[in-house]
Protein backbone atom coordinates (compact mmCIF):
# COMPACT_ATOMS: atom_id res chain seq x y z
CA MET A 1 0.11 0.14 0.26
CA LYS A 2 1.31 3.27 -1.10
CA MET A 3 1.42 6.25 1.29
CA GLU A 4 -0.05 9.87 -0.06
CA ILE A 5 2.20 12.22 -0.13
CA ASN A 6 1.54 15.47 1.07
CA GLU A 7 3.01 19.47 1.31
CA GLN A 8 3.68 19.97 4.79
CA GLU A 9 5.02 22.78 6.54
CA ILE A 10 5.39 24.10 10.53
CA THR A 11 7.13 27.08 12.00
CA PHE A 12 9.07 26.70 15.05
CA ASN A 13 9.98 28.59 18.10
CA ILE A 14 13.97 29.09 17.23
CA ARG A 15 15.05 32.44 17.18
CA TYR A 16 17.83 33.44 14.22
CA ASP A 17 19.57 35.78 16.61
CA MET A 18 20.92 32.90 18.49
CA HIS A 19 24.20 32.76 20.04
CA GLN A 20 26.98 30.92 17.65
CA ASP A 21 27.20 28.60 20.66
CA ASP A 22 23.64 27.49 20.50
CA TRP A 23 23.44 27.88 16.57
CA LYS A 24 26.00 24.88 16.57
CA ASP A 25 24.82 22.70 19.45
CA LEU A 26 21.51 23.34 17.05
CA VAL A 27 23.30 22.22 13.91
CA ASP A 28 25.12 19.29 15.68
CA ALA A 29 21.39 17.89 16.64
CA LEU A 30 19.80 18.46 13.62
CA LYS A 31 22.44 16.14 11.67
CA LEU A 32 20.93 13.73 14.09
CA LEU A 33 17.89 13.76 12.26
CA PRO A 34 16.91 10.79 9.92
CA GLY A 35 17.69 11.11 6.39
CA PHE A 36 20.16 14.78 6.57
CA ILE A 37 21.91 15.23 3.78
CA LYS A 38 23.45 18.47 4.15
CA VAL A 39 23.28 22.15 5.17
CA GLU A 40 23.78 24.44 2.42
CA LYS A 41 25.61 27.38 2.18
CA THR A 42 22.43 29.80 2.26
CA GLY A 43 21.78 28.41 5.42
CA ASP A 44 19.32 25.76 3.89
CA PHE A 45 18.81 22.28 6.13
CA PHE A 46 18.07 19.21 3.99
CA TRP A 47 16.87 15.45 4.85
CA LEU A 48 15.73 12.76 2.48
CA GLY A 49 16.06 14.32 -0.44
CA LYS A 50 15.89 18.00 -1.96
CA GLU A 51 12.91 20.20 -3.38
CA ASP A 52 12.67 18.97 -6.67
CA ASP A 53 12.39 15.05 -5.66
CA GLU A 54 9.01 13.69 -4.55
CA VAL A 55 9.90 13.10 -0.88
CA TYR A 56 11.85 15.83 0.87
CA ILE A 57 12.43 17.74 4.11
CA LYS A 58 13.95 21.35 3.74
CA GLY A 59 14.63 23.84 6.90
CA LYS A 60 15.48 27.23 7.23
CA ILE A 61 15.82 30.09 9.31
CA THR A 62 13.51 33.52 8.89
CA PHE A 63 13.00 36.37 11.13
CA ILE A 64 9.64 34.36 12.79
CA GLY A 65 11.06 31.05 12.98
CA PHE A 66 12.88 28.17 11.76
CA VAL A 67 10.81 26.64 9.00
CA ILE A 68 10.57 23.48 7.85
CA GLU A 69 8.64 21.99 5.11
CA ALA A 70 8.39 18.96 3.12
CA ASN A 71 6.73 16.38 0.72
CA LEU A 72 6.01 13.30 3.56
CA PRO A 73 3.10 10.92 3.83
CA ASP A 74 1.38 12.52 7.18
CA LEU A 75 2.63 9.61 9.78
CA VAL A 76 6.20 9.97 8.32
CA TRP A 77 6.18 13.64 9.06
CA ASN A 78 4.51 13.53 12.31
CA ALA A 79 7.00 11.07 13.78
CA TRP A 80 10.09 13.18 12.07
CA ILE A 81 8.42 16.48 13.55
CA LEU A 82 8.35 15.17 17.35
CA GLU A 83 12.03 13.57 16.51
CA PHE A 84 12.91 17.23 15.12
CA MET A 85 11.33 18.81 18.35
CA GLU A 86 12.97 16.55 20.65
CA LYS A 87 16.99 17.17 19.31
CA ALA A 88 16.00 20.73 18.93
CA SER A 89 14.73 21.03 22.67
CA GLY A 90 17.15 18.80 24.08
CA ALA A 91 20.42 20.96 22.16
CA LEU A 92 18.86 24.74 23.04
CA GLY A 93 17.60 23.85 26.78
CA TYR A 94 14.16 24.86 26.01
CA GLU A 95 11.08 23.61 24.80
CA VAL A 96 10.99 23.84 20.75
CA THR A 97 7.21 24.21 19.76
CA SER A 98 5.04 25.26 16.51
CA ILE A 99 4.10 29.25 16.30
């Protein structure tokens, strides 16, 4: 049975102006998430694929927070986002939540 792939997007309470040490801790934690590919020079994070692939996850910092967009089945998205929040919260020392 093939799962339906849906466009997904969520924004988290991670500030763009964090201390550099906090960014290093966060990047180290995000590299441990399933499917990590790389962080581009633009600061975009990629897991599982790139935007032109059928399945991908992309993360980027914006002025309102850390935005994650993806093309994933809902079940995979929900599990991956829970792991993201757990790892990011552990790295930053506060509860990372959606805004």
